[in-house]
């Protein structure tokens, strides 16, 4: 398991297997092991809403199972922050369990890199998405 230490001493457990992260404090984190990240793959549930001109409009929910929530709870004990993809954070909100995971965050890029390609974004260590 890869746990990154920021320059202020805070630890960050990155939950992204595809790329590492550059942080605004000048540090960089390696990607996480795919097997760990795969344990948080969201289940997608779709429900038909209506059809417009032959095109289906569907409502989609992305959900974490109880087992996944338990796994995430274990991960929160490993580091000061657990950095998850935004859809995982949104799922916690939608499922009404966001407050059970106070150190689970998504990142916000620095103002200078907000419009950059994903690999070029720099994570703002003073502006985490709750």
Protein backbone atom coordinates (compact mmCIF):
# COMPACT_ATOMS: atom_id res chain seq x y z
CA UNK A 1 0.00 0.00 0.00
CA UNK A 2 1.37 3.39 -1.05
CA UNK A 3 1.02 6.13 1.56
CA UNK A 4 2.44 9.52 0.67
CA UNK A 5 3.76 12.07 3.16
CA UNK A 6 3.22 15.76 2.39
CA UNK A 7 5.84 18.34 3.36
CA UNK A 8 3.79 19.26 6.46
CA UNK A 9 3.97 15.65 7.70
CA UNK A 10 0.36 14.74 6.83
CA UNK A 11 -0.07 11.34 5.22
CA UNK A 12 -2.23 10.74 2.15
CA UNK A 13 -3.50 7.39 0.93
CA UNK A 14 -4.03 7.84 -2.81
CA UNK A 15 -6.81 5.66 -4.27
CA UNK A 16 -5.91 6.00 -7.95
CA UNK A 17 -4.18 3.21 -9.84
CA UNK A 18 -3.75 4.96 -13.16
CA UNK A 19 -1.54 7.90 -12.23
CA UNK A 20 0.32 9.56 -9.43
CA UNK A 21 -0.27 13.06 -8.15
CA UNK A 22 1.76 16.25 -7.92
CA UNK A 23 0.98 18.35 -4.86
CA UNK A 24 1.28 22.11 -4.39
CA UNK A 25 3.80 21.57 -1.58
CA UNK A 26 6.28 20.25 -4.17
CA UNK A 27 5.88 16.55 -3.33
CA UNK A 28 4.65 13.79 -5.64
CA UNK A 29 2.79 10.55 -4.88
CA UNK A 30 2.98 7.29 -6.81
CA UNK A 31 -0.17 5.56 -8.07
CA UNK A 32 -1.86 3.06 -5.76
CA UNK A 33 -1.86 -0.69 -6.34
CA UNK A 34 -4.69 -1.58 -8.71
CA UNK A 35 -5.95 -4.39 -6.46
CA UNK A 36 -6.56 -1.89 -3.64
CA UNK A 37 -8.36 0.63 -5.85
CA UNK A 38 -10.49 -2.03 -7.52
CA UNK A 39 -12.10 -2.70 -4.15
CA UNK A 40 -13.83 0.69 -4.44
CA UNK A 41 -15.26 0.24 -7.94
CA UNK A 42 -18.75 1.68 -7.77
CA UNK A 43 -21.83 -0.35 -8.65
CA UNK A 44 -23.96 1.47 -11.19
CA UNK A 45 -27.74 1.34 -11.03
CA UNK A 46 -29.74 2.91 -13.80
CA UNK A 47 -33.42 3.67 -13.91
CA UNK A 48 -35.31 4.75 -16.98
CA UNK A 49 -36.87 8.21 -16.56
CA UNK A 50 -38.37 9.00 -19.98
CA UNK A 51 -37.68 8.96 -23.69
CA UNK A 52 -37.22 12.06 -25.82
CA UNK A 53 -37.24 11.65 -29.61
CA UNK A 54 -36.27 8.00 -29.24
CA UNK A 55 -33.42 8.66 -26.80
CA UNK A 56 -33.63 7.16 -23.35
CA UNK A 57 -32.98 9.41 -20.35
CA UNK A 58 -31.78 7.39 -17.41
CA UNK A 59 -31.06 8.26 -13.83
CA UNK A 60 -27.83 6.67 -12.66
CA UNK A 61 -26.71 6.04 -9.10
CA UNK A 62 -23.21 4.90 -8.25
CA UNK A 63 -23.19 2.97 -5.00
CA UNK A 64 -20.76 1.42 -2.54
CA UNK A 65 -21.72 -1.88 -0.94
CA UNK A 66 -21.57 -2.45 2.82
CA UNK A 67 -18.38 -4.46 2.25
CA UNK A 68 -16.84 -1.55 0.34
CA UNK A 69 -17.86 0.91 3.05
CA UNK A 70 -16.19 -1.35 5.64
CA UNK A 71 -13.04 -1.47 3.48
CA UNK A 72 -13.04 2.32 3.16
CA UNK A 73 -13.45 2.64 6.93
CA UNK A 74 -10.33 0.48 7.35
CA UNK A 75 -8.43 2.65 4.86
CA UNK A 76 -9.29 5.79 6.86
CA UNK A 77 -7.21 4.42 9.72
CA UNK A 78 -4.10 4.16 7.54
CA UNK A 79 -3.53 7.86 6.77
CA UNK A 80 -4.53 11.39 7.68
CA UNK A 81 -6.36 11.77 4.36
CA UNK A 82 -7.74 9.19 1.94
CA UNK A 83 -7.81 10.68 -1.55
CA UNK A 84 -10.62 9.11 -3.62
CA UNK A 85 -12.02 9.87 -7.06
CA UNK A 86 -14.84 12.42 -6.91
CA UNK A 87 -17.53 9.84 -7.87
CA UNK A 88 -16.70 7.88 -4.68
CA UNK A 89 -17.12 11.05 -2.63
CA UNK A 90 -20.43 11.78 -4.39
CA UNK A 91 -21.58 8.23 -3.68
CA UNK A 92 -20.91 8.67 0.03
CA UNK A 93 -23.06 11.80 -0.06
CA UNK A 94 -25.86 10.16 -2.02
CA UNK A 95 -25.91 7.16 0.30
CA UNK A 96 -26.16 9.45 3.33
CA UNK A 97 -22.95 8.19 4.95
CA UNK A 98 -20.58 11.06 4.14
CA UNK A 99 -20.08 12.03 7.79
CA UNK A 100 -18.86 8.52 8.67
CA UNK A 101 -15.70 9.23 6.66
CA UNK A 102 -14.40 12.64 7.77
CA UNK A 103 -10.90 12.19 6.33
CA UNK A 104 -12.00 10.92 2.90
CA UNK A 105 -11.53 13.67 0.33
CA UNK A 106 -11.27 14.37 -3.37
CA UNK A 107 -8.78 16.87 -4.70
CA UNK A 108 -9.06 20.34 -6.12
CA UNK A 109 -6.39 21.45 -8.56
CA UNK A 110 -4.51 24.67 -8.03
CA UNK A 111 -6.04 27.65 -9.85
CA UNK A 112 -3.16 27.62 -12.32
CA UNK A 113 -3.71 23.97 -13.31
CA UNK A 114 -7.52 23.62 -13.16
CA UNK A 115 -7.82 23.52 -16.94
CA UNK A 116 -4.75 21.34 -17.51
CA UNK A 117 -4.77 17.74 -18.66
CA UNK A 118 -5.21 15.32 -15.73
CA UNK A 119 -1.54 14.35 -15.70
CA UNK A 120 -0.55 18.04 -15.49
CA UNK A 121 -2.86 19.05 -12.64
CA UNK A 122 -1.33 19.98 -9.29
CA UNK A 123 -3.33 19.11 -6.17
CA UNK A 124 -3.94 22.11 -3.91
CA UNK A 125 -2.98 20.86 -0.44
CA UNK A 126 -4.88 23.76 1.14
CA UNK A 127 -8.16 23.10 -0.68
CA UNK A 128 -9.48 19.52 -0.38
CA UNK A 129 -12.97 18.68 -1.56
CA UNK A 130 -15.17 17.39 1.28
